[in-house]
C-alpha atoms as a PDB file:
ATOM      1  CA  MET A   1       3.534  16.631 -13.956  1.00  0.00           C
ATOM      2  CA  MET A   2       2.603  17.311  -9.875  1.00  0.00           C
ATOM      3  CA  ASN A   3      -1.193  16.358  -8.946  1.00  0.00           C
ATOM      4  CA  ASP A   4      -1.877  17.445  -5.810  1.00  0.00           C
ATOM      5  CA  GLU A   5      -5.534  16.132  -5.610  1.00  0.00           C
ATOM      6  CA  PRO A   6      -6.019  13.650  -2.749  1.00  0.00           C
ATOM      7  CA  ALA A   7      -6.446   9.933  -2.984  1.00  0.00           C
ATOM      8  CA  THR A   8      -9.736   9.088  -5.399  1.00  0.00           C
ATOM      9  CA  ASP A   9     -12.282   7.034  -4.645  1.00  0.00           C
ATOM     10  CA  GLN A  10     -11.917   5.313  -7.901  1.00  0.00           C
ATOM     11  CA  PRO A  11      -8.838   4.262  -9.383  1.00  0.00           C
ATOM     12  CA  PRO A  12      -7.451   5.567 -12.864  1.00  0.00           C
ATOM     13  CA  ALA A  13      -8.719   4.169 -16.064  1.00  0.00           C
ATOM     14  CA  VAL A  14      -5.415   2.487 -16.836  1.00  0.00           C
ATOM     15  CA  SER A  15      -3.568   0.677 -14.231  1.00  0.00           C
ATOM     16  CA  THR A  16      -0.305  -1.397 -14.194  1.00  0.00           C
ATOM     17  CA  SER A  17      -1.754  -3.260 -11.184  1.00  0.00           C
ATOM     18  CA  GLY A  18      -4.142  -5.306 -13.774  1.00  0.00           C
ATOM     19  CA  GLU A  19      -7.655  -6.088 -12.986  1.00  0.00           C
ATOM     20  CA  LYS A  20      -7.510  -5.189  -9.577  1.00  0.00           C
ATOM     21  CA  SER A  21      -9.639  -2.498  -7.976  1.00  0.00           C
ATOM     22  CA  PRO A  22     -10.364  -1.035  -4.745  1.00  0.00           C
ATOM     23  CA  SER A  23     -12.345  -2.715  -2.152  1.00  0.00           C
ATOM     24  CA  SER A  24     -15.755  -0.968  -0.824  1.00  0.00           C
ATOM     25  CA  VAL A  25     -14.852  -2.383   2.493  1.00  0.00           C
ATOM     26  CA  ILE A  26     -11.723  -4.257   3.017  1.00  0.00           C
ATOM     27  CA  GLY A  27     -11.554  -7.580   4.704  1.00  0.00           C
ATOM     28  CA  PRO A  28      -9.300 -10.405   5.224  1.00  0.00           C
ATOM     29  CA  GLN A  29     -10.524 -11.795   2.003  1.00  0.00           C
ATOM     30  CA  ASP A  30      -9.560  -8.901   0.003  1.00  0.00           C
ATOM     31  CA  GLY A  31      -6.045  -9.117  -0.787  1.00  0.00           C
ATOM     32  CA  VAL A  32      -4.712  -7.289   2.385  1.00  0.00           C
ATOM     33  CA  LEU A  33      -1.137  -7.507   2.673  1.00  0.00           C
ATOM     34  CA  TRP A  34      -0.723  -5.411   5.810  1.00  0.00           C
ATOM     35  CA  GLN A  35      -3.479  -3.594   7.886  1.00  0.00           C
ATOM     36  CA  GLY A  36      -3.043  -0.803  10.184  1.00  0.00           C
ATOM     37  CA  ARG A  37      -5.648   1.306  12.164  1.00  0.00           C
ATOM     38  CA  GLN A  38      -6.966   3.083   9.468  1.00  0.00           C
ATOM     39  CA  TRP A  39      -5.159   2.169   6.479  1.00  0.00           C
ATOM     40  CA  ALA A  40      -4.308  -1.190   4.600  1.00  0.00           C
ATOM     41  CA  VAL A  41      -1.928  -2.378   1.787  1.00  0.00           C
ATOM     42  CA  THR A  42      -3.548  -4.639  -0.453  1.00  0.00           C
ATOM     43  CA  ASP A  43      -2.966  -6.352  -3.809  1.00  0.00           C
ATOM     44  CA  PHE A  44      -4.484  -3.076  -5.413  1.00  0.00           C
ATOM     45  CA  GLY A  45      -2.289  -0.735  -3.574  1.00  0.00           C
ATOM     46  CA  LEU A  46      -3.095   1.427  -0.352  1.00  0.00           C
ATOM     47  CA  GLU A  47      -6.696   1.492   0.757  1.00  0.00           C
ATOM     48  CA  ARG A  48      -8.566   3.186   3.754  1.00  0.00           C
ATOM     49  CA  LEU A  49     -10.395   0.975   5.725  1.00  0.00           C
ATOM     50  CA  GLY A  50     -13.956   1.184   5.105  1.00  0.00           C
ATOM     51  CA  GLY A  51     -13.394   2.383   1.938  1.00  0.00           C
ATOM     52  CA  GLY A  52     -13.598   5.887   0.330  1.00  0.00           C
ATOM     53  CA  GLN A  53     -10.032   6.372  -0.356  1.00  0.00           C
ATOM     54  CA  SER A  54      -7.226   4.630  -2.153  1.00  0.00           C
ATOM     55  CA  VAL A  55      -3.764   4.799  -4.060  1.00  0.00           C
ATOM     56  CA  PRO A  56      -3.501   2.576  -6.703  1.00  0.00           C
ATOM     57  CA  THR A  57      -0.185   0.831  -6.713  1.00  0.00           C
ATOM     58  CA  ASP A  58       1.037   2.457  -9.904  1.00  0.00           C
ATOM     59  CA  ARG A  59       0.025   5.935  -8.491  1.00  0.00           C
ATOM     60  CA  LEU A  60       2.334   4.971  -4.991  1.00  0.00           C
ATOM     61  CA  PHE A  61       5.717   7.014  -6.285  1.00  0.00           C
ATOM     62  CA  GLU A  62       3.690   9.695  -8.174  1.00  0.00           C
ATOM     63  CA  ASP A  63       5.591  13.275  -7.316  1.00  0.00           C
ATOM     64  CA  ILE A  64       7.373  11.742  -4.978  1.00  0.00           C
ATOM     65  CA  SER A  65       9.850  13.983  -4.675  1.00  0.00           C
ATOM     66  CA  VAL A  66       7.387  16.971  -5.078  1.00  0.00           C
ATOM     67  CA  TYR A  67       4.591  16.728  -3.054  1.00  0.00           C
ATOM     68  CA  SER A  68       4.144  12.924  -1.902  1.00  0.00           C
ATOM     69  CA  TRP A  69       1.248  11.077  -0.858  1.00  0.00           C
ATOM     70  CA  ILE A  70       2.427  11.629   3.112  1.00  0.00           C
ATOM     71  CA  ARG A  71       2.174  15.585   2.414  1.00  0.00           C
ATOM     72  CA  ARG A  72      -1.022  15.072   0.473  1.00  0.00           C
ATOM     73  CA  MET A  73      -2.849  13.298   3.310  1.00  0.00           C
ATOM     74  CA  GLY A  74      -1.378  15.729   5.822  1.00  0.00           C
ATOM     75  CA  ASP A  75      -3.463  18.103   4.428  1.00  0.00           C
ATOM     76  CA  ARG A  76      -6.406  15.891   5.457  1.00  0.00           C
ATOM     77  CA  PRO A  77      -7.462  16.448   8.909  1.00  0.00           C
ATOM     78  CA  ASP A  78      -9.456  13.099   8.931  1.00  0.00           C
ATOM     79  CA  VAL A  79      -6.434  11.045   8.035  1.00  0.00           C
ATOM     80  CA  ASP A  80      -4.531   9.427  10.700  1.00  0.00           C
ATOM     81  CA  LEU A  81      -1.083  10.527   9.520  1.00  0.00           C
ATOM     82  CA  ASP A  82       0.823   8.254  11.702  1.00  0.00           C
ATOM     83  CA  ASP A  83      -0.848   5.116  10.308  1.00  0.00           C
ATOM     84  CA  PHE A  84      -0.848   6.506   6.836  1.00  0.00           C
ATOM     85  CA  THR A  85       2.896   7.129   6.648  1.00  0.00           C
ATOM     86  CA  THR A  86       3.417   3.507   8.079  1.00  0.00           C
ATOM     87  CA  ALA A  87       1.070   2.039   5.487  1.00  0.00           C
ATOM     88  CA  PHE A  88       2.693   4.168   2.677  1.00  0.00           C
ATOM     89  CA  MET A  89       6.250   2.739   3.674  1.00  0.00           C
ATOM     90  CA  VAL A  90       4.896  -0.818   4.211  1.00  0.00           C
ATOM     91  CA  ALA A  91       3.234  -0.471   0.539  1.00  0.00           C
ATOM     92  CA  LEU A  92       6.483   0.762  -1.307  1.00  0.00           C
ATOM     93  CA  VAL A  93       8.490  -1.787   0.234  1.00  0.00           C
ATOM     94  CA  LEU A  94       5.666  -4.548  -0.752  1.00  0.00           C
ATOM     95  CA  HIS A  95       5.211  -3.492  -4.003  1.00  0.00           C
ATOM     96  CA  GLY A  96       8.816  -2.852  -5.064  1.00  0.00           C
ATOM     97  CA  PHE A  97       9.440   0.925  -4.689  1.00  0.00           C
ATOM     98  CA  VAL A  98      11.567   0.696  -1.681  1.00  0.00           C
ATOM     99  CA  THR A  99      14.990   0.919  -3.446  1.00  0.00           C
ATOM    100  CA  ASN A 100      14.024   4.251  -5.088  1.00  0.00           C
ATOM    101  CA  LEU A 101      13.197   5.980  -1.701  1.00  0.00           C
ATOM    102  CA  PRO A 102      15.673   7.724   0.582  1.00  0.00           C
ATOM    103  CA  GLY A 103      14.551   7.166   4.368  1.00  0.00           C
ATOM    104  CA  ALA A 104      15.166  10.864   5.009  1.00  0.00           C
ATOM    105  CA  LYS A 105      12.819  12.120   2.299  1.00  0.00           C
ATOM    106  CA  VAL A 106      10.020  10.168   4.171  1.00  0.00           C
ATOM    107  CA  LEU A 107      10.934  11.640   7.299  1.00  0.00           C
ATOM    108  CA  GLU A 108      11.261  15.128   5.954  1.00  0.00           C
ATOM    109  CA  ASP A 109       7.734  14.936   4.474  1.00  0.00           C
ATOM    110  CA  PHE A 110       6.240  13.572   7.658  1.00  0.00           C
ATOM    111  CA  GLU A 111       7.595  16.385   9.779  1.00  0.00           C
ATOM    112  CA  LYS A 112       6.692  19.065   6.925  1.00  0.00           C
ATOM    113  CA  ALA A 113       2.976  17.599   6.831  1.00  0.00           C
ATOM    114  CA  GLU A 114       2.990  17.709  10.831  1.00  0.00           C
ATOM    115  CA  ARG A 115       3.991  21.008  11.190  1.00  0.00           C
ATOM    116  CA  LYS A 116       1.497  22.153   8.512  1.00  0.00           C
ATOM    117  CA  ARG A 117      -0.971  20.471  10.527  1.00  0.00           C
ATOM    118  CA  ALA A 118      -0.130  22.094  13.871  1.00  0.00           C
ATOM    119  CA  ARG A 119      -0.350  25.532  12.097  1.00  0.00           C
ATOM    120  CA  SER A 120      -3.831  24.807  10.687  1.00  0.00           C
ATOM    121  CA  ALA A 121      -5.265  23.646  14.379  1.00  0.00           C
END
């Protein structure tokens, strides 16, 4: 089932990531595995620095072949798309999804999101 809704402020009720939940403000003590300019990969999944948006680990690979998180976030002008794409790829690697995702698909989605963003500007 395709879900075009943006990342949520709250995790879904049932998550395979256990008892973890997104941090309201991400700090070094909050299970940060990697941190970029705007996004961080955490034990929870993928979180926007300062809070407000998150993608739980169990949703990272959701609709990857139809409308990936890269394309969803490309629809949001407040998202640093370069940083999100990097964080997304790091999250896939660190949370064990990398074997399921061809690099060409990531590049294709990034280019589509960039073209759409350029048309909207």
